[in-house]
PDB file of all heavy atoms in Angstrom:
ATOM      1  N   LYS A   1       0.819  -1.213   0.000  1.00  0.00           N
ATOM      2  CA  LYS A   1       0.000   0.000   0.000  1.00  0.00           C
ATOM      3  C   LYS A   1       0.857   1.270   0.000  1.00  0.00           C
ATOM      4  O   LYS A   1       0.343   2.357  -0.271  1.00  0.00           O
ATOM      5  CB  LYS A   1      -0.915   0.000   1.223  1.00  0.00           C
ATOM      6  CG  LYS A   1      -1.942  -1.128   1.233  1.00  0.00           C
ATOM      7  CD  LYS A   1      -2.785  -1.091   2.491  1.00  0.00           C
ATOM      8  CE  LYS A   1      -3.788  -2.235   2.537  1.00  0.00           C
ATOM      9  NZ  LYS A   1      -4.583  -2.229   3.794  1.00  0.00           N
ATOM     10  N   LEU A   2       2.143   1.126   0.297  1.00  0.00           N
ATOM     11  CA  LEU A   2       3.047   2.276   0.278  1.00  0.00           C
ATOM     12  C   LEU A   2       3.561   2.589  -1.121  1.00  0.00           C
ATOM     13  O   LEU A   2       4.160   3.644  -1.340  1.00  0.00           O
ATOM     14  CB  LEU A   2       4.243   2.026   1.200  1.00  0.00           C
ATOM     15  CG  LEU A   2       4.062   2.333   2.675  1.00  0.00           C
ATOM     16  CD1 LEU A   2       5.254   1.810   3.471  1.00  0.00           C
ATOM     17  CD2 LEU A   2       3.908   3.831   2.901  1.00  0.00           C
ATOM     18  N   GLY A   3       3.371   1.674  -2.051  1.00  0.00           N
ATOM     19  CA  GLY A   3       3.919   1.891  -3.389  1.00  0.00           C
ATOM     20  C   GLY A   3       5.432   1.977  -3.340  1.00  0.00           C
ATOM     21  O   GLY A   3       6.096   1.227  -2.625  1.00  0.00           O
ATOM     22  N   LYS A   4       5.999   2.932  -4.064  1.00  0.00           N
ATOM     23  CA  LYS A   4       7.453   3.055  -4.131  1.00  0.00           C
ATOM     24  C   LYS A   4       8.075   3.524  -2.814  1.00  0.00           C
ATOM     25  O   LYS A   4       9.266   3.351  -2.598  1.00  0.00           O
ATOM     26  CB  LYS A   4       7.839   4.011  -5.258  1.00  0.00           C
ATOM     27  CG  LYS A   4       7.640   3.426  -6.646  1.00  0.00           C
ATOM     28  CD  LYS A   4       8.300   4.290  -7.697  1.00  0.00           C
ATOM     29  CE  LYS A   4       8.228   3.614  -9.066  1.00  0.00           C
ATOM     30  NZ  LYS A   4       8.908   4.423 -10.111  1.00  0.00           N
ATOM     31  N   ASP A   5       7.258   4.111  -1.942  1.00  0.00           N
ATOM     32  CA  ASP A   5       7.802   4.597  -0.669  1.00  0.00           C
ATOM     33  C   ASP A   5       8.349   3.468   0.195  1.00  0.00           C
ATOM     34  O   ASP A   5       9.196   3.703   1.067  1.00  0.00           O
ATOM     35  CB  ASP A   5       6.738   5.366   0.107  1.00  0.00           C
ATOM     36  CG  ASP A   5       6.429   6.719  -0.511  1.00  0.00           C
ATOM     37  OD1 ASP A   5       7.312   7.276  -1.195  1.00  0.00           O
ATOM     38  OD2 ASP A   5       5.299   7.210  -0.324  1.00  0.00           O
ATOM     39  N   VAL A   6       7.880   2.238  -0.011  1.00  0.00           N
ATOM     40  CA  VAL A   6       8.395   1.127   0.782  1.00  0.00           C
ATOM     41  C   VAL A   6       9.875   0.901   0.494  1.00  0.00           C
ATOM     42  O   VAL A   6      10.625   0.391   1.344  1.00  0.00           O
ATOM     43  CB  VAL A   6       7.582  -0.160   0.529  1.00  0.00           C
ATOM     44  CG1 VAL A   6       7.917  -0.783  -0.815  1.00  0.00           C
ATOM     45  CG2 VAL A   6       7.807  -1.171   1.652  1.00  0.00           C
ATOM     46  N   GLU A   7      10.331   1.286  -0.686  1.00  0.00           N
ATOM     47  CA  GLU A   7      11.731   1.082  -1.058  1.00  0.00           C
ATOM     48  C   GLU A   7      12.672   1.968  -0.250  1.00  0.00           C
ATOM     49  O   GLU A   7      13.839   1.625  -0.066  1.00  0.00           O
ATOM     50  CB  GLU A   7      11.915   1.343  -2.554  1.00  0.00           C
ATOM     51  CG  GLU A   7      11.128   0.386  -3.438  1.00  0.00           C
ATOM     52  CD  GLU A   7      11.222   0.739  -4.916  1.00  0.00           C
ATOM     53  OE1 GLU A   7      12.185   1.426  -5.310  1.00  0.00           O
ATOM     54  OE2 GLU A   7      10.315   0.339  -5.678  1.00  0.00           O
ATOM     55  N   THR A   8      12.183   3.115   0.239  1.00  0.00           N
ATOM     56  CA  THR A   8      13.027   4.024   1.024  1.00  0.00           C
ATOM     57  C   THR A   8      12.692   3.988   2.515  1.00  0.00           C
ATOM     58  O   THR A   8      13.225   4.786   3.287  1.00  0.00           O
ATOM     59  CB  THR A   8      12.907   5.463   0.500  1.00  0.00           C
ATOM     60  OG1 THR A   8      11.532   5.823   0.371  1.00  0.00           O
ATOM     61  CG2 THR A   8      13.599   5.604  -0.847  1.00  0.00           C
ATOM     62  N   LEU A   9      11.797   3.089   2.923  1.00  0.00           N
ATOM     63  CA  LEU A   9      11.550   2.865   4.346  1.00  0.00           C
ATOM     64  C   LEU A   9      12.772   2.186   4.953  1.00  0.00           C
ATOM     65  O   LEU A   9      13.308   1.238   4.400  1.00  0.00           O
ATOM     66  CB  LEU A   9      10.319   1.984   4.525  1.00  0.00           C
ATOM     67  CG  LEU A   9      10.017   1.438   5.931  1.00  0.00           C
ATOM     68  CD1 LEU A   9       9.787   2.580   6.922  1.00  0.00           C
ATOM     69  CD2 LEU A   9       8.801   0.514   5.888  1.00  0.00           C
ATOM     70  N   ARG A  10      13.201   2.693   6.098  1.00  0.00           N
ATOM     71  CA  ARG A  10      14.390   2.131   6.741  1.00  0.00           C
ATOM     72  C   ARG A  10      14.176   0.665   7.103  1.00  0.00           C
ATOM     73  O   ARG A  10      13.112   0.274   7.555  1.00  0.00           O
ATOM     74  CB  ARG A  10      14.729   2.930   8.002  1.00  0.00           C
ATOM     75  CG  ARG A  10      16.052   2.539   8.643  1.00  0.00           C
ATOM     76  CD  ARG A  10      16.415   3.475   9.760  1.00  0.00           C
ATOM     77  NE  ARG A  10      16.745   4.802   9.254  1.00  0.00           N
ATOM     78  CZ  ARG A  10      17.906   5.133   8.703  1.00  0.00           C
ATOM     79  NH1 ARG A  10      18.855   4.231   8.565  1.00  0.00           N
ATOM     80  NH2 ARG A  10      18.118   6.360   8.289  1.00  0.00           N
ATOM     81  N   PHE A  11      15.204  -0.157   6.888  1.00  0.00           N
ATOM     82  CA  PHE A  11      15.139  -1.577   7.218  1.00  0.00           C
ATOM     83  C   PHE A  11      14.919  -1.773   8.714  1.00  0.00           C
ATOM     84  O   PHE A  11      15.348  -0.956   9.532  1.00  0.00           O
ATOM     85  CB  PHE A  11      16.451  -2.275   6.845  1.00  0.00           C
ATOM     86  CG  PHE A  11      16.559  -2.671   5.406  1.00  0.00           C
ATOM     87  CD1 PHE A  11      16.961  -1.754   4.449  1.00  0.00           C
ATOM     88  CD2 PHE A  11      16.261  -3.961   4.991  1.00  0.00           C
ATOM     89  CE1 PHE A  11      17.075  -2.113   3.113  1.00  0.00           C
ATOM     90  CE2 PHE A  11      16.364  -4.328   3.665  1.00  0.00           C
ATOM     91  CZ  PHE A  11      16.776  -3.404   2.716  1.00  0.00           C
ATOM     92  N   ALA A  12      14.268  -2.856   9.056  1.00  0.00           N
ATOM     93  CA  ALA A  12      14.177  -3.242  10.463  1.00  0.00           C
ATOM     94  C   ALA A  12      15.570  -3.538  10.993  1.00  0.00           C
ATOM     95  O   ALA A  12      16.490  -3.860  10.232  1.00  0.00           O
ATOM     96  CB  ALA A  12      13.286  -4.476  10.602  1.00  0.00           C
ATOM     97  N   SER A  13      15.736  -3.426  12.296  1.00  0.00           N
ATOM     98  CA  SER A  13      17.019  -3.746  12.918  1.00  0.00           C
ATOM     99  C   SER A  13      17.319  -5.235  12.772  1.00  0.00           C
ATOM    100  O   SER A  13      16.409  -6.069  12.838  1.00  0.00           O
ATOM    101  CB  SER A  13      16.979  -3.391  14.402  1.00  0.00           C
ATOM    102  OG  SER A  13      18.046  -3.996  15.105  1.00  0.00           O
ATOM    103  N   PRO A  14      18.599  -5.604  12.589  1.00  0.00           N
ATOM    104  CA  PRO A  14      18.947  -7.030  12.567  1.00  0.00           C
ATOM    105  C   PRO A  14      18.527  -7.766  13.831  1.00  0.00           C
ATOM    106  O   PRO A  14      18.281  -8.965  13.807  1.00  0.00           O
ATOM    107  CB  PRO A  14      20.472  -7.008  12.421  1.00  0.00           C
ATOM    108  CG  PRO A  14      20.784  -5.704  11.782  1.00  0.00           C
ATOM    109  CD  PRO A  14      19.763  -4.746  12.331  1.00  0.00           C
ATOM    110  N   ALA A  15      18.411  -7.019  14.950  1.00  0.00           N
ATOM    111  CA  ALA A  15      17.993  -7.639  16.212  1.00  0.00           C
ATOM    112  C   ALA A  15      16.493  -7.917  16.237  1.00  0.00           C
ATOM    113  O   ALA A  15      16.012  -8.640  17.106  1.00  0.00           O
ATOM    114  CB  ALA A  15      18.374  -6.734  17.382  1.00  0.00           C
ATOM    115  N   ALA A  16      15.739  -7.326  15.293  1.00  0.00           N
ATOM    116  CA  ALA A  16      14.285  -7.499  15.278  1.00  0.00           C
ATOM    117  C   ALA A  16      13.806  -8.172  14.000  1.00  0.00           C
ATOM    118  O   ALA A  16      12.645  -8.076  13.636  1.00  0.00           O
ATOM    119  CB  ALA A  16      13.607  -6.142  15.431  1.00  0.00           C
ATOM    120  N   SER A  17      14.710  -8.865  13.310  1.00  0.00           N
ATOM    121  CA  SER A  17      14.344  -9.515  12.054  1.00  0.00           C
ATOM    122  C   SER A  17      15.310 -10.671  11.812  1.00  0.00           C
ATOM    123  O   SER A  17      16.324 -10.800  12.501  1.00  0.00           O
ATOM    124  CB  SER A  17      14.405  -8.523  10.895  1.00  0.00           C
ATOM    125  OG  SER A  17      15.702  -7.967  10.787  1.00  0.00           O
ATOM    126  N   LEU A  18      15.025 -11.486  10.827  1.00  0.00           N
ATOM    127  CA  LEU A  18      15.909 -12.587  10.472  1.00  0.00           C
ATOM    128  C   LEU A  18      16.776 -12.156   9.302  1.00  0.00           C
ATOM    129  O   LEU A  18      16.259 -11.724   8.270  1.00  0.00           O
ATOM    130  CB  LEU A  18      15.102 -13.829  10.093  1.00  0.00           C
ATOM    131  CG  LEU A  18      15.921 -15.083   9.736  1.00  0.00           C
ATOM    132  CD1 LEU A  18      16.720 -15.557  10.947  1.00  0.00           C
ATOM    133  CD2 LEU A  18      14.998 -16.205   9.237  1.00  0.00           C
ATOM    134  N   PHE A  19      18.104 -12.251   9.487  1.00  0.00           N
ATOM    135  CA  PHE A  19      19.070 -11.855   8.475  1.00  0.00           C
ATOM    136  C   PHE A  19      18.989 -10.357   8.156  1.00  0.00           C
ATOM    137  O   PHE A  19      19.561  -9.898   7.176  1.00  0.00           O
ATOM    138  CB  PHE A  19      18.895 -12.645   7.166  1.00  0.00           C
ATOM    139  CG  PHE A  19      18.874 -14.130   7.341  1.00  0.00           C
ATOM    140  CD1 PHE A  19      17.829 -14.887   6.861  1.00  0.00           C
ATOM    141  CD2 PHE A  19      19.904 -14.778   8.021  1.00  0.00           C
ATOM    142  CE1 PHE A  19      17.806 -16.269   7.027  1.00  0.00           C
ATOM    143  CE2 PHE A  19      19.884 -16.150   8.199  1.00  0.00           C
ATOM    144  CZ  PHE A  19      18.843 -16.897   7.703  1.00  0.00           C
ATOM    145  N   GLY A  20      18.244  -9.592   8.982  1.00  0.00           N
ATOM    146  CA  GLY A  20      18.156  -8.162   8.750  1.00  0.00           C
ATOM    147  C   GLY A  20      17.069  -7.744   7.784  1.00  0.00           C
ATOM    148  O   GLY A  20      16.867  -6.555   7.558  1.00  0.00           O
ATOM    149  N   TYR A  21      16.328  -8.688   7.180  1.00  0.00           N
ATOM    150  CA  TYR A  21      15.302  -8.258   6.232  1.00  0.00           C
ATOM    151  C   TYR A  21      14.013  -9.065   6.271  1.00  0.00           C
ATOM    152  O   TYR A  21      13.026  -8.678   5.655  1.00  0.00           O
ATOM    153  CB  TYR A  21      15.848  -8.247   4.802  1.00  0.00           C
ATOM    154  CG  TYR A  21      16.571  -9.502   4.358  1.00  0.00           C
ATOM    155  CD1 TYR A  21      15.876 -10.663   4.021  1.00  0.00           C
ATOM    156  CD2 TYR A  21      17.957  -9.519   4.275  1.00  0.00           C
ATOM    157  CE1 TYR A  21      16.543 -11.798   3.605  1.00  0.00           C
ATOM    158  CE2 TYR A  21      18.639 -10.653   3.862  1.00  0.00           C
ATOM    159  CZ  TYR A  21      17.928 -11.784   3.529  1.00  0.00           C
ATOM    160  OH  TYR A  21      18.593 -12.915   3.126  1.00  0.00           O
ATOM    161  N   LEU A  22      13.937 -10.172   6.945  1.00  0.00           N
ATOM    162  CA  LEU A  22      12.683 -10.924   7.035  1.00  0.00           C
ATOM    163  C   LEU A  22      11.971 -10.514   8.323  1.00  0.00           C
ATOM    164  O   LEU A  22      12.457 -10.745   9.424  1.00  0.00           O
ATOM    165  CB  LEU A  22      12.962 -12.425   7.043  1.00  0.00           C
ATOM    166  CG  LEU A  22      11.736 -13.344   7.084  1.00  0.00           C
ATOM    167  CD1 LEU A  22      10.883 -13.151   5.838  1.00  0.00           C
ATOM    168  CD2 LEU A  22      12.150 -14.798   7.201  1.00  0.00           C
ATOM    169  N   ASN A  23      10.800  -9.862   8.175  1.00  0.00           N
ATOM    170  CA  ASN A  23      10.117  -9.257   9.314  1.00  0.00           C
ATOM    171  C   ASN A  23       9.178 -10.234  10.011  1.00  0.00           C
ATOM    172  O   ASN A  23       8.397 -10.932   9.362  1.00  0.00           O
ATOM    173  CB  ASN A  23       9.322  -8.041   8.845  1.00  0.00           C
ATOM    174  CG  ASN A  23      10.207  -6.931   8.319  1.00  0.00           C
ATOM    175  OD1 ASN A  23      11.391  -6.880   8.626  1.00  0.00           O
ATOM    176  ND2 ASN A  23       9.647  -6.044   7.521  1.00  0.00           N
ATOM    177  N   TRP A  24       9.226 -10.228  11.359  1.00  0.00           N
ATOM    178  CA  TRP A  24       8.338 -11.055  12.163  1.00  0.00           C
ATOM    179  C   TRP A  24       7.605 -10.203  13.178  1.00  0.00           C
ATOM    180  O   TRP A  24       8.123  -9.194  13.668  1.00  0.00           O
ATOM    181  CB  TRP A  24       9.128 -12.133  12.914  1.00  0.00           C
ATOM    182  CG  TRP A  24       9.515 -13.296  12.052  1.00  0.00           C
ATOM    183  CD1 TRP A  24       8.870 -13.734  10.933  1.00  0.00           C
ATOM    184  CD2 TRP A  24      10.633 -14.158  12.237  1.00  0.00           C
ATOM    185  NE1 TRP A  24       9.524 -14.819  10.407  1.00  0.00           N
ATOM    186  CE2 TRP A  24      10.615 -15.104  11.187  1.00  0.00           C
ATOM    187  CE3 TRP A  24      11.646 -14.233  13.174  1.00  0.00           C
ATOM    188  CZ2 TRP A  24      11.562 -16.107  11.055  1.00  0.00           C
ATOM    189  CZ3 TRP A  24      12.593 -15.228  13.053  1.00  0.00           C
ATOM    190  CH2 TRP A  24      12.552 -16.164  12.005  1.00  0.00           C
ATOM    191  N   HIS A  25       6.410 -10.656  13.519  1.00  0.00           N
ATOM    192  CA  HIS A  25       5.623 -10.008  14.552  1.00  0.00           C
ATOM    193  C   HIS A  25       6.071 -10.518  15.916  1.00  0.00           C
ATOM    194  O   HIS A  25       6.724 -11.557  16.027  1.00  0.00           O
ATOM    195  CB  HIS A  25       4.135 -10.307  14.315  1.00  0.00           C
ATOM    196  CG  HIS A  25       3.227  -9.636  15.284  1.00  0.00           C
ATOM    197  ND1 HIS A  25       2.400 -10.325  16.140  1.00  0.00           N
ATOM    198  CD2 HIS A  25       3.016  -8.330  15.541  1.00  0.00           C
ATOM    199  CE1 HIS A  25       1.721  -9.471  16.885  1.00  0.00           C
ATOM    200  NE2 HIS A  25       2.068  -8.256  16.545  1.00  0.00           N
ATOM    201  N   PHE A  26       5.691  -9.794  16.969  1.00  0.00           N
ATOM    202  CA  PHE A  26       6.075 -10.135  18.340  1.00  0.00           C
ATOM    203  C   PHE A  26       5.648 -11.547  18.705  1.00  0.00           C
ATOM    204  O   PHE A  26       6.427 -12.337  19.241  1.00  0.00           O
ATOM    205  CB  PHE A  26       5.434  -9.118  19.291  1.00  0.00           C
ATOM    206  CG  PHE A  26       5.893  -9.217  20.715  1.00  0.00           C
ATOM    207  CD1 PHE A  26       7.136  -8.756  21.095  1.00  0.00           C
ATOM    208  CD2 PHE A  26       5.062  -9.760  21.687  1.00  0.00           C
ATOM    209  CE1 PHE A  26       7.555  -8.830  22.419  1.00  0.00           C
ATOM    210  CE2 PHE A  26       5.469  -9.844  23.008  1.00  0.00           C
ATOM    211  CZ  PHE A  26       6.719  -9.375  23.368  1.00  0.00           C
ATOM    212  N   ASP A  27       4.405 -11.909  18.411  1.00  0.00           N
ATOM    213  CA  ASP A  27       3.903 -13.252  18.736  1.00  0.00           C
ATOM    214  C   ASP A  27       4.666 -14.337  17.976  1.00  0.00           C
ATOM    215  O   ASP A  27       4.930 -15.428  18.502  1.00  0.00           O
ATOM    216  CB  ASP A  27       2.417 -13.360  18.390  1.00  0.00           C
ATOM    217  CG  ASP A  27       1.528 -12.760  19.474  1.00  0.00           C
ATOM    218  OD1 ASP A  27       2.036 -12.515  20.575  1.00  0.00           O
ATOM    219  OD2 ASP A  27       0.338 -12.539  19.202  1.00  0.00           O
ATOM    220  N   GLU A  28       5.008 -14.049  16.727  1.00  0.00           N
ATOM    221  CA  GLU A  28       5.702 -15.034  15.897  1.00  0.00           C
ATOM    222  C   GLU A  28       7.099 -15.334  16.432  1.00  0.00           C
ATOM    223  O   GLU A  28       7.592 -16.455  16.326  1.00  0.00           O
ATOM    224  CB  GLU A  28       5.786 -14.514  14.461  1.00  0.00           C
ATOM    225  CG  GLU A  28       4.421 -14.360  13.814  1.00  0.00           C
ATOM    226  CD  GLU A  28       4.459 -13.530  12.551  1.00  0.00           C
ATOM    227  OE1 GLU A  28       5.403 -12.730  12.378  1.00  0.00           O
ATOM    228  OE2 GLU A  28       3.546 -13.675  11.735  1.00  0.00           O
ATOM    229  N   THR A  29       7.716 -14.345  17.027  1.00  0.00           N
ATOM    230  CA  THR A  29       9.035 -14.545  17.635  1.00  0.00           C
ATOM    231  C   THR A  29       8.962 -15.613  18.723  1.00  0.00           C
ATOM    232  O   THR A  29       9.843 -16.468  18.843  1.00  0.00           O
ATOM    233  CB  THR A  29       9.558 -13.225  18.224  1.00  0.00           C
ATOM    234  OG1 THR A  29       9.646 -12.255  17.181  1.00  0.00           O
ATOM    235  CG2 THR A  29      10.931 -13.412  18.843  1.00  0.00           C
ATOM    236  N   TYR A  30       7.905 -15.590  19.529  1.00  0.00           N
ATOM    237  CA  TYR A  30       7.744 -16.575  20.593  1.00  0.00           C
ATOM    238  C   TYR A  30       7.539 -17.979  20.033  1.00  0.00           C
ATOM    239  O   TYR A  30       8.062 -18.960  20.572  1.00  0.00           O
ATOM    240  CB  TYR A  30       6.569 -16.174  21.494  1.00  0.00           C
ATOM    241  CG  TYR A  30       7.010 -15.325  22.652  1.00  0.00           C
ATOM    242  CD1 TYR A  30       7.301 -13.982  22.466  1.00  0.00           C
ATOM    243  CD2 TYR A  30       7.195 -15.866  23.913  1.00  0.00           C
ATOM    244  CE1 TYR A  30       7.732 -13.194  23.514  1.00  0.00           C
ATOM    245  CE2 TYR A  30       7.624 -15.099  24.973  1.00  0.00           C
ATOM    246  CZ  TYR A  30       7.897 -13.757  24.769  1.00  0.00           C
ATOM    247  OH  TYR A  30       8.346 -12.986  25.807  1.00  0.00           O
ATOM    248  N   ILE A  31       6.765 -18.074  18.966  1.00  0.00           N
ATOM    249  CA  ILE A  31       6.535 -19.385  18.357  1.00  0.00           C
ATOM    250  C   ILE A  31       7.852 -20.012  17.930  1.00  0.00           C
ATOM    251  O   ILE A  31       8.125 -21.194  18.173  1.00  0.00           O
ATOM    252  CB  ILE A  31       5.584 -19.253  17.149  1.00  0.00           C
ATOM    253  CG1 ILE A  31       4.189 -18.846  17.617  1.00  0.00           C
ATOM    254  CG2 ILE A  31       5.526 -20.562  16.358  1.00  0.00           C
ATOM    255  CD1 ILE A  31       3.249 -18.499  16.493  1.00  0.00           C
TER     256      ILE A  31
END
């Protein structure tokens, strides 16, 4: 829904994602 703006959105922190780019929700981390 962000269109091209998603390309310039800052990446999630490596501490809050897998390999620095695969995003997970809080609940999914526990699973």
